[in-house]
Amino acid sequence: MNAVVKPKGDDAKGDGTARTEIARYSGVEKAAIILMCLGEDAKSLWALLDEEEIKKISQAMSSLGLVPAATVEALVIEFVQKLSGSGSVMGSYEQTQRMLQAFLPKDKVESLMEEIRGPAGRNIWDKLANVNETVLASYLKNEYPQTVAVVLAKVRPDHAAKVLAELPEEFAAECVSRMLGMEPVQREILEKIETTLRTEFMSNLARTSKRDSHELMAEIFNNFDRQTESRFMTALEDKNRDSADRIRALMFVFEDLGKLDAGGVQTLLRAADKSDLALALKGASDSLRQLFFQNMSERGAKLLREDMAGMGPVRLKDVEAAQTRMVTVAKDLATRGEIVLSEGKAEDELIY
């Protein structure tokens, strides 16, 4: 068993502290710790669990991280004694997979680990609620409206609303109509839908990145120079206009900084390199330039205008590079919560 072992003195605590630590673990997590301590000796215990219990414990086990020795000692004193008073365990995805392979068939282990890799949730409907609405809608739009109606009736209303908004309009309207006239669904039909979702959708989702491929591609396009971006976008439009439109909508370009509020612009001005600012605005629209000038002091705006004028002709490549650096600074600020970058969606609009 590949456990992470630390000397007891490094993390030993009093009984009271250990009990406090134990209190933060759920029953499933406690069971996972004990089973990890027992290692292969726990085969007979695993055999007594049903499939749903194995899934829950495996999920907990794969995300435990480091469990201090004092906590392990309080949970299973006998185990600590066997290890001569020392022993921490590290729950990880790989460790869980190795342990399950010791007593379960390979295909069963792969199925369980795919579920762990996939979206979190106690059951298939909880998991669906954690799938990006665009990804889920892309899958559902190829299903029968009645099937989609059943799925959307089972997930959270807020998530169902987001998925409906992503579906083609006529198809979404048909699904809503089916939901309004829906009779109680027979258990056999529901189980069949659950099985299909688990084997066809969730399994494929777990094998790939949880991130929407269009989002990744939008970031790649953001880092192209304008000429390369235009060339690839034109080629993509010829092959798949829908994908091209989605990527274009997801891209955050320099002109999108025009959606910043006054406070956001001022924060960006303080963080950005002044030489980048002048060069970037050299190739900006008049409206975006004005937005930046209006959020500077009169003297600062005057100096910036003079810097821009003094540059003379500049290469487009240099302007685009400066604009890209400005966008990167803005994204970093947004990640830290210092500014809000609007993506143009209705929920991003500010009401005063």
Protein backbone atom coordinates (compact mmCIF):
# COMPACT_ATOMS: atom_id res chain seq x y z
CA MET A 1 0.00 0.00 0.00
CA ASN A 2 1.58 3.30 -1.09
CA ALA A 3 0.68 5.40 1.93
CA VAL A 4 2.29 8.71 2.79
CA VAL A 5 3.89 8.11 6.20
CA LYS A 6 4.90 10.87 8.58
CA PRO A 7 6.54 10.53 12.00
CA LYS A 8 3.93 10.67 14.69
CA GLY A 9 5.60 13.56 16.38
CA ASP A 10 5.08 15.76 13.34
CA ASP A 11 1.33 15.73 13.54
CA ALA A 12 0.42 14.16 16.86
CA LYS A 13 -2.41 15.93 18.65
CA GLY A 14 -4.35 15.54 21.86
CA ASP A 15 -7.44 13.34 21.92
CA GLY A 16 -9.72 16.38 21.94
CA THR A 17 -8.11 17.89 18.84
CA ALA A 18 -8.16 14.53 17.05
CA ARG A 19 -11.86 14.17 17.77
CA THR A 20 -12.45 17.67 16.40
CA GLU A 21 -10.61 16.68 13.23
CA ILE A 22 -12.67 13.49 12.92
CA ALA A 23 -15.90 15.48 13.15
CA ARG A 24 -15.23 17.14 9.81
CA TYR A 25 -15.26 13.79 7.98
CA SER A 26 -18.53 12.30 6.78
CA GLY A 27 -19.42 8.67 7.48
CA VAL A 28 -18.49 7.73 3.93
CA GLU A 29 -15.09 9.43 4.27
CA LYS A 30 -14.43 7.63 7.56
CA ALA A 31 -15.24 4.31 5.90
CA ALA A 32 -12.87 5.22 3.06
CA ILE A 33 -10.02 5.93 5.50
CA ILE A 34 -10.51 2.66 7.36
CA LEU A 35 -10.67 0.64 4.14
CA MET A 36 -7.49 2.32 2.89
CA CYS A 37 -5.75 1.45 6.14
CA LEU A 38 -6.78 -2.18 5.78
CA GLY A 39 -5.61 -2.29 2.18
CA GLU A 40 -6.02 -5.70 0.55
CA ASP A 41 -7.15 -7.14 3.89
CA ALA A 42 -10.41 -5.30 3.25
CA LYS A 43 -11.37 -7.52 0.29
CA SER A 44 -14.04 -9.33 2.27
CA LEU A 45 -15.53 -6.01 3.41
CA TRP A 46 -15.65 -4.61 -0.13
CA ALA A 47 -17.43 -7.77 -1.25
CA LEU A 48 -20.26 -7.03 1.20
CA LEU A 49 -20.93 -3.59 -0.30
CA ASP A 50 -23.43 -2.97 -3.09
CA GLU A 51 -22.52 -1.04 -6.24
CA GLU A 52 -23.85 2.31 -5.01
CA GLU A 53 -21.92 2.01 -1.73
CA ILE A 54 -18.72 1.17 -3.61
CA LYS A 55 -19.22 4.23 -5.81
CA LYS A 56 -19.73 6.53 -2.83
CA ILE A 57 -16.71 5.21 -0.93
CA SER A 58 -14.51 5.25 -4.06
CA GLN A 59 -15.52 8.86 -4.75
CA ALA A 60 -14.67 9.87 -1.18
CA MET A 61 -11.41 7.90 -1.21
CA SER A 62 -10.15 9.54 -4.40
CA SER A 63 -10.50 13.04 -2.96
CA LEU A 64 -9.37 12.52 0.66
CA GLY A 65 -5.92 13.97 0.27
CA LEU A 66 -3.64 13.74 3.31
CA VAL A 67 -5.24 12.35 6.47
CA PRO A 68 -3.09 13.19 9.55
CA ALA A 69 -1.79 10.27 11.62
CA ALA A 70 -3.59 11.56 14.72
CA THR A 71 -6.90 11.39 12.89
CA VAL A 72 -6.14 7.90 11.61
CA GLU A 73 -5.24 6.87 15.15
CA ALA A 74 -8.52 8.16 16.52
CA LEU A 75 -10.46 6.37 13.81
CA VAL A 76 -8.69 2.99 13.89
CA ILE A 77 -6.34 2.61 16.84
CA GLU A 78 -5.62 -1.00 15.96
CA PHE A 79 -4.23 0.05 12.59
CA VAL A 80 -1.92 2.64 14.14
CA GLN A 81 -0.65 0.02 16.57
CA LYS A 82 0.20 -2.33 13.67
CA LEU A 83 2.26 0.47 12.14
CA SER A 84 4.14 0.98 15.44
CA GLY A 85 2.43 4.23 16.25
CA SER A 86 2.95 5.99 12.94
CA GLY A 87 0.96 6.27 9.82
CA SER A 88 -0.87 8.75 7.64
CA VAL A 89 -2.73 7.77 4.49
CA MET A 90 -3.00 9.65 1.23
CA GLY A 91 -6.20 9.15 -0.70
CA SER A 92 -5.73 9.77 -4.40
CA TYR A 93 -7.31 8.82 -7.69
CA GLU A 94 -4.44 6.47 -8.58
CA GLN A 95 -4.39 4.83 -5.15
CA THR A 96 -8.14 4.20 -5.31
CA GLN A 97 -7.84 2.67 -8.77
CA ARG A 98 -5.03 0.32 -7.70
CA MET A 99 -6.99 -0.81 -4.66
CA LEU A 100 -10.18 -1.50 -6.60
CA GLN A 101 -8.24 -3.49 -9.20
CA ALA A 102 -7.22 -5.92 -6.48
CA PHE A 103 -10.73 -7.34 -6.14
CA LEU A 104 -12.95 -6.04 -8.97
CA PRO A 105 -12.95 -6.91 -12.69
CA LYS A 106 -11.03 -4.49 -14.90
CA ASP A 107 -14.11 -3.26 -16.79
CA LYS A 108 -15.93 -2.63 -13.49
CA VAL A 109 -13.01 -0.61 -12.14
CA GLU A 110 -12.82 1.46 -15.32
CA SER A 111 -16.56 2.18 -15.12
CA LEU A 112 -16.28 3.28 -11.48
CA MET A 113 -13.23 5.47 -12.09
CA GLU A 114 -14.90 7.13 -15.08
CA GLU A 115 -17.79 8.08 -12.83
CA ILE A 116 -15.34 9.53 -10.30
CA ARG A 117 -13.59 11.52 -13.04
CA GLY A 118 -16.92 12.86 -14.25
CA PRO A 119 -19.05 15.60 -12.66
CA ALA A 120 -19.73 15.32 -8.94
CA GLY A 121 -23.10 14.13 -7.70
CA ARG A 122 -24.77 11.34 -5.78
CA ASN A 123 -26.74 10.08 -8.77
CA ILE A 124 -27.01 10.64 -12.51
CA TRP A 125 -29.35 13.63 -12.11
CA ASP A 126 -27.06 15.36 -9.62
CA LYS A 127 -24.18 14.80 -12.01
CA LEU A 128 -26.11 16.27 -14.94
CA ALA A 129 -26.71 19.42 -12.90
CA ASN A 130 -22.92 19.90 -12.80
CA VAL A 131 -22.45 19.55 -16.55
CA ASN A 132 -22.05 22.77 -18.52
CA GLU A 133 -25.41 23.64 -20.10
CA THR A 134 -23.91 24.07 -23.57
CA VAL A 135 -22.28 20.63 -23.42
CA LEU A 136 -25.48 19.00 -22.18
CA ALA A 137 -27.60 20.78 -24.79
CA SER A 138 -25.24 19.65 -27.56
CA TYR A 139 -25.91 16.05 -26.53
CA LEU A 140 -29.65 16.38 -25.94
CA LYS A 141 -30.44 18.13 -29.22
CA ASN A 142 -29.85 14.79 -30.98
CA GLU A 143 -32.33 12.94 -28.75
CA TYR A 144 -36.10 12.57 -29.05
CA PRO A 145 -38.02 15.54 -27.58
CA GLN A 146 -39.82 13.19 -25.18
CA THR A 147 -36.50 11.90 -23.84
CA VAL A 148 -35.21 15.45 -23.41
CA ALA A 149 -38.45 16.36 -21.61
CA VAL A 150 -37.89 13.53 -19.12
CA VAL A 151 -34.27 14.58 -18.53
CA LEU A 152 -35.12 18.26 -18.03
CA ALA A 153 -37.96 17.37 -15.68
CA LYS A 154 -35.49 15.49 -13.47
CA VAL A 155 -32.69 18.07 -13.22
CA ARG A 156 -32.85 21.28 -11.19
CA PRO A 157 -35.20 23.92 -12.68
CA ASP A 158 -32.43 26.54 -12.91
CA HIS A 159 -30.22 24.17 -14.88
CA ALA A 160 -33.11 23.02 -17.08
CA ALA A 161 -33.75 26.67 -17.98
CA LYS A 162 -30.12 27.17 -19.04
CA VAL A 163 -30.16 24.00 -21.15
CA LEU A 164 -33.43 24.98 -22.86
CA ALA A 165 -31.94 28.35 -23.75
CA GLU A 166 -29.06 26.56 -25.51
CA LEU A 167 -31.29 24.23 -27.56
CA PRO A 168 -32.56 25.14 -31.06
CA GLU A 169 -35.70 27.27 -30.61
CA GLU A 170 -38.24 24.99 -32.28
CA PHE A 171 -36.80 21.89 -30.64
CA ALA A 172 -36.82 23.59 -27.22
CA ALA A 173 -40.47 24.62 -27.69
CA GLU A 174 -41.40 21.02 -28.52
CA CYS A 175 -39.59 19.81 -25.38
CA VAL A 176 -41.48 22.35 -23.24
CA SER A 177 -44.75 21.15 -24.77
CA ARG A 178 -43.86 17.53 -23.95
CA MET A 179 -42.97 18.50 -20.37
CA LEU A 180 -46.34 20.23 -19.91
CA GLY A 181 -48.24 17.14 -21.03
CA MET A 182 -45.99 14.59 -19.38
CA GLU A 183 -47.54 11.64 -17.57
CA PRO A 184 -45.70 9.87 -14.72
CA VAL A 185 -42.75 8.07 -16.29
CA GLN A 186 -42.61 4.31 -15.87
CA ARG A 187 -39.71 3.10 -13.77
CA GLU A 188 -38.43 0.85 -16.57
CA ILE A 189 -38.26 3.76 -19.03
CA LEU A 190 -36.55 6.01 -16.48
CA GLU A 191 -33.96 3.34 -15.72
CA LYS A 192 -33.28 2.92 -19.44
CA ILE A 193 -32.73 6.66 -19.84
CA GLU A 194 -30.45 6.70 -16.78
CA THR A 195 -28.42 3.81 -18.18
CA THR A 196 -28.10 5.49 -21.58
CA LEU A 197 -26.99 8.77 -20.01
CA ARG A 198 -24.44 6.97 -17.86
CA THR A 199 -22.96 4.76 -20.59
CA GLU A 200 -23.15 7.08 -23.59
CA PHE A 201 -22.91 10.61 -22.22
CA MET A 202 -21.24 10.54 -18.81
CA SER A 203 -18.73 7.91 -19.86
CA ASN A 204 -17.62 9.96 -22.87
CA LEU A 205 -17.61 13.13 -20.79
CA ALA A 206 -15.35 11.53 -18.18
CA ARG A 207 -12.86 10.47 -20.85
CA THR A 208 -12.49 14.00 -22.12
CA SER A 209 -11.82 17.33 -20.48
CA LYS A 210 -14.75 18.73 -18.56
CA ARG A 211 -14.04 21.99 -20.27
CA ASP A 212 -16.00 22.83 -23.41
CA SER A 213 -13.69 22.44 -26.42
CA HIS A 214 -15.06 25.69 -27.89
CA GLU A 215 -13.88 27.58 -24.79
CA LEU A 216 -10.39 26.12 -25.18
CA MET A 217 -10.34 26.98 -28.88
CA ALA A 218 -11.53 30.54 -28.13
CA GLU A 219 -8.49 31.02 -25.87
CA ILE A 220 -6.22 29.68 -28.61
CA PHE A 221 -7.77 32.07 -31.12
CA ASN A 222 -7.31 34.92 -28.63
CA ASN A 223 -3.57 34.32 -28.83
CA PHE A 224 -3.39 34.38 -32.62
CA ASP A 225 -2.30 37.56 -34.34
CA ARG A 226 -5.15 39.15 -36.26
CA GLN A 227 -4.08 37.82 -39.64
CA THR A 228 -3.75 34.22 -38.42
CA GLU A 229 -7.02 34.46 -36.51
CA SER A 230 -8.83 35.70 -39.63
CA ARG A 231 -7.33 32.90 -41.75
CA PHE A 232 -8.36 30.13 -39.33
CA MET A 233 -11.79 31.64 -38.67
CA THR A 234 -12.52 31.87 -42.40
CA ALA A 235 -11.48 28.25 -42.90
CA LEU A 236 -13.63 27.15 -39.96
CA GLU A 237 -16.65 29.08 -41.22
CA ASP A 238 -16.46 27.16 -44.50
CA LYS A 239 -16.52 23.84 -42.65
CA ASN A 240 -18.64 24.52 -39.56
CA ARG A 241 -20.30 27.92 -39.24
CA ASP A 242 -21.97 27.04 -35.90
CA SER A 243 -18.62 26.28 -34.28
CA ALA A 244 -17.09 29.42 -35.75
CA ASP A 245 -19.93 31.53 -34.33
CA ARG A 246 -19.59 29.91 -30.89
CA ILE A 247 -15.85 30.47 -30.80
CA ARG A 248 -16.25 34.09 -31.91
CA ALA A 249 -18.84 34.65 -29.14
CA LEU A 250 -16.51 33.15 -26.52
CA MET A 251 -13.43 35.08 -27.57
CA PHE A 252 -12.46 38.03 -25.40
CA VAL A 253 -10.70 40.63 -27.50
CA PHE A 254 -9.24 44.03 -26.74
CA GLU A 255 -12.36 45.90 -27.88
CA ASP A 256 -14.37 43.95 -25.26
CA LEU A 257 -12.63 46.11 -22.64
CA GLY A 258 -15.17 48.72 -23.72
CA LYS A 259 -17.71 46.80 -21.62
CA LEU A 260 -15.82 47.61 -18.41
CA ASP A 261 -17.43 50.04 -15.99
CA ALA A 262 -15.56 53.15 -14.85
CA GLY A 263 -14.10 51.44 -11.79
CA GLY A 264 -12.89 48.53 -13.90
CA VAL A 265 -11.17 50.82 -16.39
CA GLN A 266 -9.43 52.72 -13.59
CA THR A 267 -8.25 49.47 -11.98
CA LEU A 268 -6.89 48.27 -15.33
CA LEU A 269 -5.14 51.60 -15.89
CA ARG A 270 -3.31 51.23 -12.57
CA ALA A 271 -2.23 47.66 -13.36
CA ALA A 272 -1.30 47.95 -17.03
CA ASP A 273 2.12 48.83 -18.38
CA LYS A 274 1.96 52.45 -19.58
CA SER A 275 3.91 51.75 -22.79
CA ASP A 276 1.53 48.87 -23.59
CA LEU A 277 -1.45 51.16 -22.98
CA ALA A 278 -0.28 53.77 -25.47
CA LEU A 279 0.59 51.20 -28.12
CA ALA A 280 -2.65 49.22 -27.62
CA LEU A 281 -4.86 52.31 -27.83
CA LYS A 282 -3.02 53.36 -30.99
CA GLY A 283 -4.98 50.64 -32.79
CA ALA A 284 -8.21 50.93 -30.80
CA SER A 285 -11.57 52.34 -31.87
CA ASP A 286 -12.37 55.97 -31.05
CA SER A 287 -15.03 54.89 -28.53
CA LEU A 288 -12.61 52.68 -26.62
CA ARG A 289 -9.97 55.40 -26.59
CA GLN A 290 -12.49 57.85 -25.19
CA LEU A 291 -13.49 55.38 -22.46
CA PHE A 292 -9.88 55.23 -21.25
CA PHE A 293 -9.29 58.98 -21.58
CA GLN A 294 -12.46 59.75 -19.60
CA ASN A 295 -11.28 57.62 -16.69
CA MET A 296 -7.91 59.34 -16.43
CA SER A 297 -6.99 62.68 -14.98
CA GLU A 298 -6.95 65.52 -17.48
CA ARG A 299 -3.16 65.68 -17.28
CA GLY A 300 -2.82 61.89 -17.62
CA ALA A 301 -5.06 61.82 -20.69
CA LYS A 302 -3.07 64.67 -22.24
CA LEU A 303 0.24 62.88 -21.67
CA LEU A 304 -1.14 59.63 -23.11
CA ARG A 305 -2.35 61.41 -26.25
CA GLU A 306 1.08 62.96 -26.64
CA ASP A 307 2.78 59.56 -26.23
CA MET A 308 0.51 58.06 -28.90
CA ALA A 309 1.12 60.93 -31.30
CA GLY A 310 4.86 60.80 -30.69
CA MET A 311 5.03 57.15 -31.71
CA GLY A 312 4.38 57.89 -35.33
CA PRO A 313 3.53 54.88 -37.53
CA VAL A 314 3.65 51.57 -35.64
CA ARG A 315 3.57 47.99 -36.85
CA LEU A 316 0.22 46.21 -36.59
CA LYS A 317 2.01 43.21 -35.08
CA ASP A 318 3.31 45.37 -32.19
CA VAL A 319 -0.11 46.90 -31.56
CA GLU A 320 -1.76 43.47 -31.43
CA ALA A 321 0.91 42.19 -29.04
CA ALA A 322 0.32 45.14 -26.69
CA GLN A 323 -3.44 44.61 -26.86
CA THR A 324 -2.99 40.91 -26.03
CA ARG A 325 -0.89 41.82 -22.98
CA MET A 326 -3.59 44.29 -21.88
CA VAL A 327 -6.25 41.60 -22.20
CA THR A 328 -4.07 39.21 -20.16
CA VAL A 329 -3.76 41.81 -17.38
CA ALA A 330 -7.54 42.31 -17.46
CA LYS A 331 -8.17 38.57 -17.20
CA ASP A 332 -5.77 38.29 -14.25
CA LEU A 333 -7.61 41.14 -12.49
CA ALA A 334 -10.94 39.43 -13.18
CA THR A 335 -9.63 36.14 -11.77
CA ARG A 336 -8.71 37.95 -8.56
CA GLY A 337 -12.16 39.53 -8.46
CA GLU A 338 -10.85 43.09 -8.87
CA ILE A 339 -12.81 43.77 -12.07
CA VAL A 340 -15.75 42.16 -13.86
CA LEU A 341 -15.34 41.16 -17.49
CA SER A 342 -18.70 41.05 -19.23
CA GLU A 343 -19.22 38.37 -21.87
CA GLY A 344 -22.21 40.18 -23.30
CA LYS A 345 -24.79 37.90 -21.70
CA ALA A 346 -27.96 39.26 -20.19
CA GLU A 347 -26.97 38.20 -16.68
CA ASP A 348 -23.75 40.21 -16.98
CA GLU A 349 -25.57 43.49 -17.55
CA LEU A 350 -25.47 45.99 -14.69
CA ILE A 351 -28.61 47.77 -13.55
CA TYR A 352 -28.33 51.10 -11.77
